[in-house]
Every structure is written in structure tokens, then in C-alpha cells.
Amino acid sequence: MARKISQEKIEEINRLYTDGKGRPLKEIAMRTGVSYFTVWA
């Protein structure tokens, strides 16, 4: 079973995407430590 991502991590991903003016998903995944697919989903 997959682990659930914390609300803080979700907010960080959203912040990096919106404040970063559409920062690449690969970069967001590396910065947050979650998989590319998780960031994409």
C-alpha cells in the first residue's frame, strides 16, 4: 500500500508550482523528495 503524503508536502508542491511560475515537475520532485509521478498526479 502506498504511503500518504503529508498536507505540508502537498502545500509545498503547490507553492513551488504556482510561485515558481510553472517550475518543471522534475525539479519539484527532486526538491520535495517525492516521485515525479506523485507530483504529476
C-alpha atoms as a PDB file:
ATOM      1  CA  MET A   1       0.000   0.000   0.000  1.00  0.00           C
ATOM      2  CA  ALA A   2       1.278   3.442  -0.892  1.00  0.00           C
ATOM      3  CA  ARG A   3       2.162   5.941   1.807  1.00  0.00           C
ATOM      4  CA  LYS A   4       0.063   9.071   2.163  1.00  0.00           C
ATOM      5  CA  ILE A   5       1.781  12.392   1.555  1.00  0.00           C
ATOM      6  CA  SER A   6       1.505  14.916   4.357  1.00  0.00           C
ATOM      7  CA  GLN A   7      -0.564  18.041   3.872  1.00  0.00           C
ATOM      8  CA  GLU A   8       2.594  20.124   4.354  1.00  0.00           C
ATOM      9  CA  LYS A   9       4.301  18.323   1.454  1.00  0.00           C
ATOM     10  CA  ILE A  10       1.248  18.858  -0.769  1.00  0.00           C
ATOM     11  CA  GLU A  11       1.252  22.560   0.075  1.00  0.00           C
ATOM     12  CA  GLU A  12       4.990  22.775  -0.661  1.00  0.00           C
ATOM     13  CA  ILE A  13       4.463  21.147  -4.083  1.00  0.00           C
ATOM     14  CA  ASN A  14       1.623  23.563  -4.866  1.00  0.00           C
ATOM     15  CA  ARG A  15       3.693  26.535  -3.719  1.00  0.00           C
ATOM     16  CA  LEU A  16       6.698  25.515  -5.822  1.00  0.00           C
ATOM     17  CA  TYR A  17       4.491  25.074  -8.874  1.00  0.00           C
ATOM     18  CA  THR A  18       2.425  28.249  -8.577  1.00  0.00           C
ATOM     19  CA  ASP A  19       5.045  30.604  -7.105  1.00  0.00           C
ATOM     20  CA  GLY A  20       7.694  29.143  -9.394  1.00  0.00           C
ATOM     21  CA  LYS A  21       5.618  30.123 -12.439  1.00  0.00           C
ATOM     22  CA  GLY A  22       5.218  26.506 -13.527  1.00  0.00           C
ATOM     23  CA  ARG A  23       8.556  25.165 -12.334  1.00  0.00           C
ATOM     24  CA  PRO A  24       9.373  21.828 -14.044  1.00  0.00           C
ATOM     25  CA  LEU A  25       7.821  18.815 -12.322  1.00  0.00           C
ATOM     26  CA  LYS A  26      11.161  17.003 -12.275  1.00  0.00           C
ATOM     27  CA  GLU A  27      12.697  19.845 -10.269  1.00  0.00           C
ATOM     28  CA  ILE A  28       9.752  19.925  -7.851  1.00  0.00           C
ATOM     29  CA  ALA A  29      10.078  16.157  -7.345  1.00  0.00           C
ATOM     30  CA  MET A  30      13.788  16.481  -6.552  1.00  0.00           C
ATOM     31  CA  ARG A  31      13.272  19.397  -4.150  1.00  0.00           C
ATOM     32  CA  THR A  32      10.437  17.743  -2.228  1.00  0.00           C
ATOM     33  CA  GLY A  33      11.733  14.167  -2.255  1.00  0.00           C
ATOM     34  CA  VAL A  34       8.616  12.642  -3.809  1.00  0.00           C
ATOM     35  CA  SER A  35       8.351  10.777  -7.089  1.00  0.00           C
ATOM     36  CA  TYR A  36       7.769  12.525 -10.398  1.00  0.00           C
ATOM     37  CA  PHE A  37       4.506  10.655 -10.841  1.00  0.00           C
ATOM     38  CA  THR A  38       3.259  11.850  -7.433  1.00  0.00           C
ATOM     39  CA  VAL A  39       4.000  15.462  -8.358  1.00  0.00           C
ATOM     40  CA  TRP A  40       2.295  14.974 -11.729  1.00  0.00           C
ATOM     41  CA  ALA A  41      -0.801  13.436 -10.144  1.00  0.00           C
END
